[in-house]
Amino acid sequence: MQSRIEGLADLARSLREMPKDVRANALRAGMRAGAVVIQEDAKRRASVDTGRMKKNIYVKRIRELVTEL
């Protein structure tokens, strides 16, 4: 299996040119959108004995792990 991403260098350049707060918000929104996709898939695949597992799959931002760009 192969993957190819085109335009990554352009994206990185555009992000570096953005003001810091705009850049952080854009990246945060993108990361959250990706996390929600994973969350939805995990909930879809979770077994449903009591429903507790599905209920406890959620997206959470952990501020301590956020790094500067």
N, C-alpha and C. Protein backbone atom coordinates (compact mmCIF):
# COMPACT_ATOMS: atom_id res chain seq x y z
N MET A 1 0.84 -1.17 0.00
CA MET A 1 0.00 0.00 0.00
C MET A 1 0.89 1.24 0.00
N GLN A 2 0.59 2.18 -0.86
CA GLN A 2 1.35 3.41 -0.94
C GLN A 2 0.41 4.60 -0.82
N SER A 3 0.93 5.65 -0.24
CA SER A 3 0.18 6.91 -0.14
C SER A 3 1.08 8.03 -0.60
N ARG A 4 0.47 9.03 -1.18
CA ARG A 4 1.24 10.20 -1.59
C ARG A 4 0.44 11.44 -1.24
N ILE A 5 1.09 12.35 -0.59
CA ILE A 5 0.46 13.61 -0.21
C ILE A 5 1.10 14.71 -1.02
N GLU A 6 0.29 15.39 -1.80
CA GLU A 6 0.79 16.50 -2.60
C GLU A 6 0.41 17.81 -1.94
N GLY A 7 1.30 18.77 -2.00
CA GLY A 7 1.02 20.09 -1.47
C GLY A 7 1.37 20.27 0.00
N LEU A 8 2.02 19.27 0.60
CA LEU A 8 2.36 19.37 2.01
C LEU A 8 3.34 20.50 2.28
N ALA A 9 4.31 20.69 1.41
CA ALA A 9 5.27 21.79 1.58
C ALA A 9 4.56 23.14 1.48
N ASP A 10 3.61 23.26 0.56
CA ASP A 10 2.85 24.50 0.44
C ASP A 10 2.02 24.76 1.69
N LEU A 11 1.41 23.70 2.22
CA LEU A 11 0.62 23.83 3.44
C LEU A 11 1.51 24.28 4.60
N ALA A 12 2.67 23.67 4.76
CA ALA A 12 3.58 24.04 5.84
C ALA A 12 4.02 25.49 5.70
N ARG A 13 4.31 25.92 4.49
CA ARG A 13 4.71 27.31 4.25
C ARG A 13 3.56 28.26 4.61
N SER A 14 2.37 27.93 4.19
CA SER A 14 1.21 28.77 4.49
C SER A 14 0.98 28.86 5.99
N LEU A 15 1.14 27.74 6.70
CA LEU A 15 0.96 27.77 8.15
C LEU A 15 2.01 28.64 8.83
N ARG A 16 3.25 28.58 8.36
CA ARG A 16 4.31 29.41 8.95
C ARG A 16 4.04 30.90 8.72
N GLU A 17 3.37 31.24 7.63
CA GLU A 17 3.11 32.64 7.31
C GLU A 17 1.91 33.21 8.08
N MET A 18 1.08 32.35 8.65
CA MET A 18 -0.09 32.81 9.40
C MET A 18 0.33 33.39 10.74
N PRO A 19 -0.46 34.32 11.28
CA PRO A 19 -0.20 34.77 12.65
C PRO A 19 -0.31 33.58 13.60
N LYS A 20 0.44 33.63 14.68
CA LYS A 20 0.54 32.50 15.60
C LYS A 20 -0.81 32.03 16.12
N ASP A 21 -1.70 32.96 16.51
CA ASP A 21 -2.99 32.55 17.07
C ASP A 21 -3.89 31.92 16.01
N VAL A 22 -3.85 32.43 14.80
CA VAL A 22 -4.64 31.85 13.71
C VAL A 22 -4.12 30.46 13.37
N ARG A 23 -2.80 30.33 13.33
CA ARG A 23 -2.17 29.04 13.04
C ARG A 23 -2.56 28.00 14.09
N ALA A 24 -2.51 28.38 15.35
CA ALA A 24 -2.86 27.46 16.43
C ALA A 24 -4.31 27.03 16.33
N ASN A 25 -5.21 27.98 16.05
CA ASN A 25 -6.62 27.65 15.93
C ASN A 25 -6.88 26.72 14.74
N ALA A 26 -6.22 26.98 13.63
CA ALA A 26 -6.40 26.14 12.44
C ALA A 26 -5.92 24.72 12.70
N LEU A 27 -4.77 24.59 13.32
CA LEU A 27 -4.24 23.26 13.62
C LEU A 27 -5.10 22.54 14.65
N ARG A 28 -5.56 23.26 15.65
CA ARG A 28 -6.42 22.67 16.68
C ARG A 28 -7.71 22.15 16.05
N ALA A 29 -8.30 22.95 15.17
CA ALA A 29 -9.54 22.54 14.51
C ALA A 29 -9.31 21.30 13.64
N GLY A 30 -8.20 21.26 12.94
CA GLY A 30 -7.88 20.10 12.12
C GLY A 30 -7.64 18.85 12.93
N MET A 31 -6.93 18.99 14.04
CA MET A 31 -6.68 17.85 14.91
C MET A 31 -7.99 17.34 15.51
N ARG A 32 -8.85 18.26 15.92
CA ARG A 32 -10.14 17.85 16.49
C ARG A 32 -10.99 17.13 15.45
N ALA A 33 -11.01 17.65 14.23
CA ALA A 33 -11.79 17.00 13.18
C ALA A 33 -11.30 15.58 12.94
N GLY A 34 -9.99 15.39 12.92
CA GLY A 34 -9.43 14.06 12.76
C GLY A 34 -9.76 13.15 13.94
N ALA A 35 -9.71 13.71 15.13
CA ALA A 35 -10.02 12.93 16.33
C ALA A 35 -11.48 12.50 16.35
N VAL A 36 -12.36 13.35 15.87
CA VAL A 36 -13.79 13.02 15.83
C VAL A 36 -14.04 11.86 14.86
N VAL A 37 -13.33 11.84 13.74
CA VAL A 37 -13.46 10.73 12.80
C VAL A 37 -13.07 9.42 13.49
N ILE A 38 -11.96 9.44 14.22
CA ILE A 38 -11.50 8.25 14.95
C ILE A 38 -12.50 7.87 16.03
N GLN A 39 -13.02 8.87 16.74
CA GLN A 39 -14.00 8.63 17.80
C GLN A 39 -15.25 7.94 17.23
N GLU A 40 -15.76 8.46 16.13
CA GLU A 40 -16.96 7.88 15.54
C GLU A 40 -16.74 6.44 15.11
N ASP A 41 -15.57 6.16 14.54
CA ASP A 41 -15.26 4.80 14.12
C ASP A 41 -15.12 3.88 15.33
N ALA A 42 -14.47 4.36 16.38
CA ALA A 42 -14.32 3.55 17.59
C ALA A 42 -15.68 3.24 18.21
N LYS A 43 -16.56 4.23 18.24
CA LYS A 43 -17.90 3.99 18.79
C LYS A 43 -18.68 2.99 17.94
N ARG A 44 -18.51 3.09 16.64
CA ARG A 44 -19.20 2.18 15.73
C ARG A 44 -18.73 0.74 15.94
N ARG A 45 -17.44 0.57 16.25
CA ARG A 45 -16.87 -0.77 16.41
C ARG A 45 -17.00 -1.33 17.83
N ALA A 46 -17.35 -0.50 18.79
CA ALA A 46 -17.40 -0.93 20.19
C ALA A 46 -18.52 -1.94 20.41
N SER A 47 -18.25 -2.92 21.26
CA SER A 47 -19.30 -3.88 21.60
C SER A 47 -20.37 -3.19 22.44
N VAL A 48 -21.58 -3.72 22.38
CA VAL A 48 -22.70 -3.05 23.04
C VAL A 48 -23.37 -3.98 24.05
N ASP A 49 -22.66 -4.30 25.12
CA ASP A 49 -23.28 -5.10 26.18
C ASP A 49 -24.17 -4.19 27.03
N THR A 50 -23.55 -3.16 27.60
CA THR A 50 -24.32 -2.23 28.43
C THR A 50 -24.37 -0.84 27.81
N GLY A 51 -23.52 -0.57 26.83
CA GLY A 51 -23.46 0.76 26.23
C GLY A 51 -22.46 1.67 26.90
N ARG A 52 -21.87 1.23 28.00
CA ARG A 52 -20.92 2.07 28.74
C ARG A 52 -19.66 2.35 27.93
N MET A 53 -19.21 1.36 27.15
CA MET A 53 -17.99 1.56 26.37
C MET A 53 -18.20 2.68 25.35
N LYS A 54 -19.30 2.60 24.60
CA LYS A 54 -19.57 3.64 23.60
C LYS A 54 -19.67 5.01 24.25
N LYS A 55 -20.33 5.06 25.39
CA LYS A 55 -20.54 6.34 26.08
C LYS A 55 -19.21 6.95 26.54
N ASN A 56 -18.24 6.11 26.81
CA ASN A 56 -16.96 6.60 27.35
C ASN A 56 -15.88 6.80 26.29
N ILE A 57 -16.24 6.76 25.03
CA ILE A 57 -15.30 7.09 23.96
C ILE A 57 -15.56 8.53 23.57
N TYR A 58 -14.62 9.41 23.86
CA TYR A 58 -14.82 10.83 23.57
C TYR A 58 -13.49 11.50 23.23
N VAL A 59 -13.59 12.68 22.67
CA VAL A 59 -12.41 13.47 22.30
C VAL A 59 -12.17 14.48 23.41
N LYS A 60 -10.92 14.58 23.84
CA LYS A 60 -10.58 15.52 24.90
C LYS A 60 -9.26 16.19 24.55
N ARG A 61 -9.22 17.48 24.70
CA ARG A 61 -7.97 18.23 24.50
C ARG A 61 -7.19 18.24 25.80
N ILE A 62 -5.93 17.85 25.72
CA ILE A 62 -5.06 17.85 26.89
C ILE A 62 -4.07 18.98 26.70
N ARG A 63 -4.24 20.06 27.42
CA ARG A 63 -3.43 21.25 27.24
C ARG A 63 -1.94 21.03 27.49
N GLU A 64 -1.59 20.16 28.41
CA GLU A 64 -0.18 19.94 28.75
C GLU A 64 0.62 19.39 27.57
N LEU A 65 -0.06 18.72 26.63
CA LEU A 65 0.63 18.11 25.52
C LEU A 65 0.72 19.02 24.30
N VAL A 66 0.10 20.19 24.35
CA VAL A 66 0.13 21.11 23.23
C VAL A 66 1.52 21.74 23.14
N THR A 67 2.13 21.70 21.97
CA THR A 67 3.45 22.28 21.79
C THR A 67 3.39 23.47 20.86
N GLU A 68 4.36 24.33 20.93
CA GLU A 68 4.42 25.50 20.05
C GLU A 68 4.82 25.07 18.65
N LEU A 69 4.33 25.80 17.68
CA LEU A 69 4.66 25.51 16.28
C LEU A 69 5.56 26.60 15.73
